[in-house]
Amino acid sequence: MLRRIKIKPNYLIPFTSTTIVMVILGFLAASFIFSGELVKWLKENTDIAIELRQNVSADDVKKIKSLLTEDERVLENSIKHLPPAEAVYLLGLDYEQTAWWSEDDVPFQDMVIFNLKADYFEPAILNELSRHYKKNVNSISEIHYQDRLVLDFHSNLEYFAFWFSGFGLLFLFLSVVLIYNTTKLALYADRMEIETMELVGASRAFIRKPYLLKSFFLGLISGLIAILLIGLVVSLLTDDALGLITEDRRELALMMMVGLPLSGGVFCLFCTWLTLNQYLKYR
């Protein structure tokens, strides 16, 4: 009675695990592909604040804005004057109701905010720019900037990449185990057909072929689903995904789109091939 029971293998679990591996690999590749433009965006959106001395005139503010406009390192249309009252609102404080200071004694000075072009947002250039303006413009009290911001961004990117890689290795191991067990279960379910094929002289290559084709197809689908998921996430984050890819990395992006599904197919095919060889060897 038990010998008549047909045990059907469940391919959904190894398929899901393989898809997760492909998604993790895809996100790691995407983070590298987009990292160059992300760093550029981060540099050009990091504000540099010039704090002015007390009681500066409107002419002093215009002079500083004019000097910044003529500076080729400064990003166009990024220069703006920030009065003390706006600085209070920028910090999220209520200018009219706060009890920390009186209305005539706001502890902020006039500020001029601007951004640098990405190529010039480097610690050495920032230090030189700060010294130059503080030396030549008497109305400047201090220049504030975050020169370690990009370095911290790279550190955080490496940190997340480390944990992503760890999860990727875990799911990679699970995929190998699940593919192995699923293939063994499929072979056990088809053992009578395999015995019949061996009796009529079928070669091992002929017996392996349907299992290898199925595993390659499932791996290919896993990679395609991973590409679609990554594309969906990127499209939700930005309206111009292609514009964020620098020219030197567009070829790499194309390789990822083609290589990820192929990698999934080859990975599943290889795991299935090892399992089939082991099974047929010990028959």
Protein backbone atom coordinates (compact mmCIF):
# COMPACT_ATOMS: atom_id res chain seq x y z
CA MET A 1 0.00 0.00 0.00
CA LEU A 2 2.75 2.44 0.98
CA ARG A 3 4.68 1.74 -2.24
CA ARG A 4 1.74 3.09 -4.27
CA ILE A 5 1.86 6.51 -2.56
CA LYS A 6 3.20 9.15 -4.95
CA ILE A 7 5.28 11.67 -3.02
CA LYS A 8 5.39 14.99 -4.86
CA PRO A 9 8.29 17.32 -4.13
CA ASN A 10 7.52 20.94 -3.19
CA TYR A 11 9.64 23.27 -5.30
CA LEU A 12 8.17 26.44 -3.76
CA ILE A 13 10.48 26.55 -0.71
CA PRO A 14 13.82 26.19 -2.56
CA PHE A 15 12.47 28.51 -5.26
CA THR A 16 11.67 31.18 -2.62
CA SER A 17 15.05 30.76 -0.94
CA THR A 18 16.88 31.09 -4.26
CA THR A 19 14.85 34.21 -5.08
CA ILE A 20 15.88 35.77 -1.76
CA VAL A 21 19.53 35.03 -2.55
CA MET A 22 19.17 36.66 -5.97
CA VAL A 23 17.45 39.71 -4.43
CA ILE A 24 20.25 40.17 -1.89
CA LEU A 25 22.91 39.80 -4.58
CA GLY A 26 20.99 42.23 -6.77
CA PHE A 27 20.73 44.85 -4.03
CA LEU A 28 24.46 44.55 -3.33
CA ALA A 29 25.20 45.07 -7.01
CA ALA A 30 22.69 47.94 -7.23
CA SER A 31 24.21 49.69 -4.21
CA PHE A 32 27.59 49.59 -5.95
CA ILE A 33 26.15 50.75 -9.29
CA PHE A 34 24.25 53.68 -7.76
CA SER A 35 26.85 54.55 -5.09
CA GLY A 36 28.75 56.98 -7.34
CA GLU A 37 25.69 59.09 -8.13
CA LEU A 38 24.43 58.80 -4.54
CA VAL A 39 27.72 60.22 -3.25
CA LYS A 40 27.49 63.02 -5.82
CA TRP A 41 23.92 63.80 -4.75
CA LEU A 42 24.95 63.74 -1.08
CA LYS A 43 27.83 66.13 -1.68
CA GLU A 44 25.76 68.60 -3.68
CA ASN A 45 22.93 68.59 -1.13
CA THR A 46 25.09 69.06 1.96
CA ASP A 47 24.74 72.66 3.10
CA ILE A 48 27.73 74.83 3.96
CA ALA A 49 26.79 77.66 6.33
CA ILE A 50 28.60 80.98 6.60
CA GLU A 51 27.82 82.54 9.98
CA LEU A 52 28.06 86.34 9.86
CA ARG A 53 29.06 88.71 12.64
CA GLN A 54 26.53 90.70 14.63
CA ASN A 55 24.87 93.74 13.08
CA VAL A 56 26.04 93.09 9.51
CA SER A 57 24.50 95.27 6.86
CA ALA A 58 22.53 94.22 3.82
CA ASP A 59 25.47 95.31 1.69
CA ASP A 60 27.73 92.83 3.51
CA VAL A 61 25.30 90.03 2.76
CA LYS A 62 25.13 91.05 -0.92
CA LYS A 63 28.93 91.15 -1.11
CA ILE A 64 29.26 87.61 0.24
CA LYS A 65 26.55 86.32 -2.11
CA SER A 66 28.30 88.03 -5.02
CA LEU A 67 31.65 86.44 -4.12
CA LEU A 68 30.04 83.02 -3.89
CA THR A 69 28.28 83.50 -7.23
CA GLU A 70 31.62 84.24 -8.90
CA ASP A 71 33.25 81.18 -7.30
CA GLU A 72 33.28 78.30 -9.83
CA ARG A 73 33.25 75.77 -7.00
CA VAL A 74 29.83 76.87 -5.76
CA LEU A 75 26.75 75.15 -7.18
CA GLU A 76 24.53 77.47 -9.19
CA ASN A 77 21.27 78.68 -7.58
CA SER A 78 22.25 77.19 -4.21
CA ILE A 79 23.08 80.47 -2.43
CA LYS A 80 20.49 81.81 0.00
CA HIS A 81 20.42 84.26 2.90
CA LEU A 82 19.05 82.95 6.19
CA PRO A 83 18.01 85.62 8.73
CA PRO A 84 18.10 84.77 12.48
CA ALA A 85 14.33 84.24 12.65
CA GLU A 86 14.46 81.65 9.86
CA ALA A 87 17.30 79.86 11.62
CA VAL A 88 14.99 79.43 14.62
CA TYR A 89 12.28 77.87 12.44
CA LEU A 90 14.88 75.71 10.72
CA LEU A 91 15.63 74.13 14.10
CA GLY A 92 11.92 73.43 14.61
CA LEU A 93 11.48 76.03 17.36
CA ASP A 94 8.57 78.44 17.80
CA TYR A 95 9.96 81.94 17.40
CA GLU A 96 6.98 83.66 19.01
CA GLN A 97 6.27 81.35 21.94
CA THR A 98 9.69 80.10 23.01
CA ALA A 99 10.76 81.13 26.53
CA TRP A 100 14.45 80.47 26.00
CA TRP A 101 15.15 84.03 24.88
CA SER A 102 13.39 87.32 24.34
CA GLU A 103 12.23 88.45 20.92
CA ASP A 104 15.05 91.00 20.73
CA ASP A 105 17.73 88.59 21.91
CA VAL A 106 17.72 85.69 19.43
CA PRO A 107 21.00 83.74 19.85
CA PHE A 108 21.52 83.32 16.09
CA GLN A 109 23.25 85.46 13.51
CA ASP A 110 22.55 86.02 9.84
CA MET A 111 23.75 83.09 7.76
CA VAL A 112 24.45 82.48 4.09
CA ILE A 113 23.83 78.89 2.99
CA PHE A 114 25.30 77.38 -0.18
CA ASN A 115 26.34 74.08 -1.75
CA LEU A 116 29.49 73.03 -3.56
CA LYS A 117 29.80 71.06 -6.77
CA ALA A 118 30.50 67.41 -6.05
CA ASP A 119 34.06 67.52 -7.43
CA TYR A 120 35.02 70.22 -4.90
CA PHE A 121 33.41 68.71 -1.81
CA GLU A 122 36.65 67.34 -0.38
CA PRO A 123 38.16 67.99 3.09
CA ALA A 124 41.25 69.77 1.72
CA ILE A 125 39.18 72.03 -0.55
CA LEU A 126 36.68 72.76 2.22
CA ASN A 127 39.47 73.78 4.59
CA GLU A 128 41.07 75.99 1.95
CA LEU A 129 37.71 77.59 1.10
CA SER A 130 37.00 78.29 4.78
CA ARG A 131 40.41 79.91 5.34
CA HIS A 132 40.11 81.98 2.16
CA TYR A 133 36.73 83.53 2.94
CA LYS A 134 37.42 84.09 6.65
CA LYS A 135 40.67 85.85 5.76
CA ASN A 136 39.29 88.08 3.02
CA VAL A 137 35.81 88.90 4.32
CA ASN A 138 35.70 90.62 7.72
CA SER A 139 31.97 90.18 8.18
CA ILE A 140 32.31 86.36 8.34
CA SER A 141 32.42 84.95 11.86
CA GLU A 142 32.63 81.21 11.10
CA ILE A 143 32.02 78.69 8.32
CA HIS A 144 30.32 75.43 9.26
CA TYR A 145 30.43 72.23 7.18
CA GLN A 146 30.43 68.45 7.62
CA ASP A 147 33.61 67.23 6.00
CA ARG A 148 33.20 63.67 7.31
CA LEU A 149 29.70 63.20 5.93
CA VAL A 150 30.78 61.33 2.80
CA LEU A 151 33.23 59.19 4.77
CA ASP A 152 30.44 58.27 7.20
CA PHE A 153 28.21 57.44 4.22
CA HIS A 154 30.82 55.04 2.85
CA SER A 155 31.25 53.46 6.30
CA ASN A 156 27.50 52.92 6.66
CA LEU A 157 27.33 51.51 3.13
CA GLU A 158 30.08 49.01 3.95
CA TYR A 159 28.32 48.14 7.23
CA PHE A 160 25.03 47.34 5.50
CA ALA A 161 26.87 45.48 2.74
CA PHE A 162 28.52 43.30 5.40
CA TRP A 163 25.19 42.32 6.97
CA PHE A 164 23.57 41.86 3.55
CA SER A 165 26.42 39.54 2.59
CA GLY A 166 25.92 37.58 5.81
CA PHE A 167 22.22 37.09 5.10
CA GLY A 168 23.08 36.21 1.52
CA LEU A 169 25.46 33.45 2.61
CA LEU A 170 22.86 32.11 5.04
CA PHE A 171 20.16 31.89 2.37
CA LEU A 172 22.71 30.52 -0.09
CA PHE A 173 23.40 27.64 2.29
CA LEU A 174 19.67 27.12 2.83
CA SER A 175 19.11 27.09 -0.92
CA VAL A 176 21.75 24.40 -1.44
CA VAL A 177 20.20 22.23 1.30
CA LEU A 178 16.65 22.77 0.06
CA ILE A 179 17.52 22.10 -3.58
CA TYR A 180 19.38 18.95 -2.53
CA ASN A 181 16.45 17.64 -0.47
CA THR A 182 13.84 18.61 -3.07
CA THR A 183 15.78 16.91 -5.86
CA LYS A 184 16.27 13.78 -3.73
CA LEU A 185 12.53 13.75 -3.05
CA ALA A 186 11.77 14.17 -6.76
CA LEU A 187 14.11 11.30 -7.61
CA TYR A 188 12.50 9.12 -4.97
CA ALA A 189 9.04 9.92 -6.36
CA ASP A 190 10.24 9.01 -9.88
CA ARG A 191 12.32 6.00 -8.84
CA MET A 192 10.15 3.52 -10.74
CA GLU A 193 10.43 5.54 -13.97
CA ILE A 194 14.19 5.87 -13.48
CA GLU A 195 14.54 2.12 -12.99
CA THR A 196 12.54 1.53 -16.16
CA MET A 197 14.73 3.95 -18.15
CA GLU A 198 17.88 2.23 -16.84
CA LEU A 199 16.51 -1.18 -17.82
CA VAL A 200 15.95 -0.06 -21.41
CA GLY A 201 19.49 1.34 -21.57
CA ALA A 202 18.91 5.07 -21.06
CA SER A 203 22.10 7.00 -20.33
CA ARG A 204 22.60 9.08 -17.20
CA ALA A 205 22.64 12.24 -19.29
CA PHE A 206 19.17 11.38 -20.61
CA ILE A 207 17.87 10.72 -17.08
CA ARG A 208 19.39 13.94 -15.72
CA LYS A 209 18.09 16.17 -18.53
CA PRO A 210 14.47 16.88 -17.36
CA TYR A 211 15.59 17.60 -13.78
CA LEU A 212 18.38 19.91 -14.90
CA LEU A 213 16.12 21.80 -17.29
CA LYS A 214 13.48 22.30 -14.61
CA SER A 215 16.01 23.50 -12.02
CA PHE A 216 17.61 25.89 -14.51
CA PHE A 217 14.20 27.30 -15.44
CA LEU A 218 13.24 27.83 -11.78
CA GLY A 219 16.57 29.54 -11.08
CA LEU A 220 16.11 31.75 -14.14
CA ILE A 221 12.65 32.78 -12.92
CA SER A 222 14.12 33.53 -9.46
CA GLY A 223 16.63 35.91 -11.03
CA LEU A 224 13.95 37.62 -13.14
CA ILE A 225 11.74 38.12 -10.08
CA ALA A 226 14.74 39.58 -8.23
CA ILE A 227 15.35 42.05 -11.09
CA LEU A 228 11.67 43.08 -11.05
CA LEU A 229 11.68 43.59 -7.26
CA ILE A 230 14.88 45.66 -7.37
CA GLY A 231 13.51 47.71 -10.26
CA LEU A 232 10.28 48.32 -8.32
CA VAL A 233 12.16 49.51 -5.23
CA VAL A 234 14.41 51.80 -7.28
CA SER A 235 11.42 53.24 -9.18
CA LEU A 236 9.70 54.02 -5.87
CA LEU A 237 12.80 55.83 -4.60
CA THR A 238 13.51 57.87 -7.73
CA ASP A 239 11.78 58.91 -10.95
CA ASP A 240 15.00 58.87 -12.98
CA ALA A 241 16.79 55.61 -12.19
CA LEU A 242 18.83 55.62 -15.42
CA GLY A 243 19.98 59.16 -14.71
CA LEU A 244 21.49 58.01 -11.41
CA ILE A 245 23.78 55.53 -13.16
CA THR A 246 27.07 57.06 -14.23
CA GLU A 247 28.32 56.28 -17.75
CA ASP A 248 31.18 54.10 -16.50
CA ARG A 249 28.71 51.85 -14.64
CA ARG A 250 25.92 51.50 -17.21
CA GLU A 251 27.62 48.48 -18.75
CA LEU A 252 27.83 46.96 -15.27
CA ALA A 253 24.10 47.60 -14.75
CA LEU A 254 23.32 45.80 -18.02
CA MET A 255 25.55 42.90 -16.97
CA MET A 256 23.65 42.67 -13.68
CA MET A 257 20.26 42.58 -15.43
CA VAL A 258 21.44 39.76 -17.70
CA GLY A 259 23.74 38.01 -15.26
CA LEU A 260 21.42 37.76 -12.25
CA PRO A 261 18.82 35.48 -13.92
CA LEU A 262 21.60 33.42 -15.54
CA SER A 263 23.37 33.13 -12.18
CA GLY A 264 20.17 31.87 -10.59
CA GLY A 265 19.70 29.31 -13.34
CA VAL A 266 23.31 28.09 -13.25
CA PHE A 267 23.28 27.93 -9.44
CA CYS A 268 20.15 25.74 -9.32
CA LEU A 269 21.39 23.63 -12.23
CA PHE A 270 24.75 23.00 -10.53
CA CYS A 271 23.16 22.01 -7.19
CA THR A 272 20.74 19.67 -8.96
CA TRP A 273 23.54 18.18 -11.07
CA LEU A 274 25.56 17.31 -7.94
CA THR A 275 22.52 15.70 -6.32
CA LEU A 276 21.69 13.69 -9.44
CA ASN A 277 25.25 12.43 -9.77
CA GLN A 278 25.29 11.33 -6.16
CA TYR A 279 21.93 9.55 -6.49
CA LEU A 280 22.75 7.78 -9.76
CA LYS A 281 26.21 6.82 -8.55
CA TYR A 282 24.93 4.85 -5.57
CA ARG A 283 22.04 3.12 -7.33
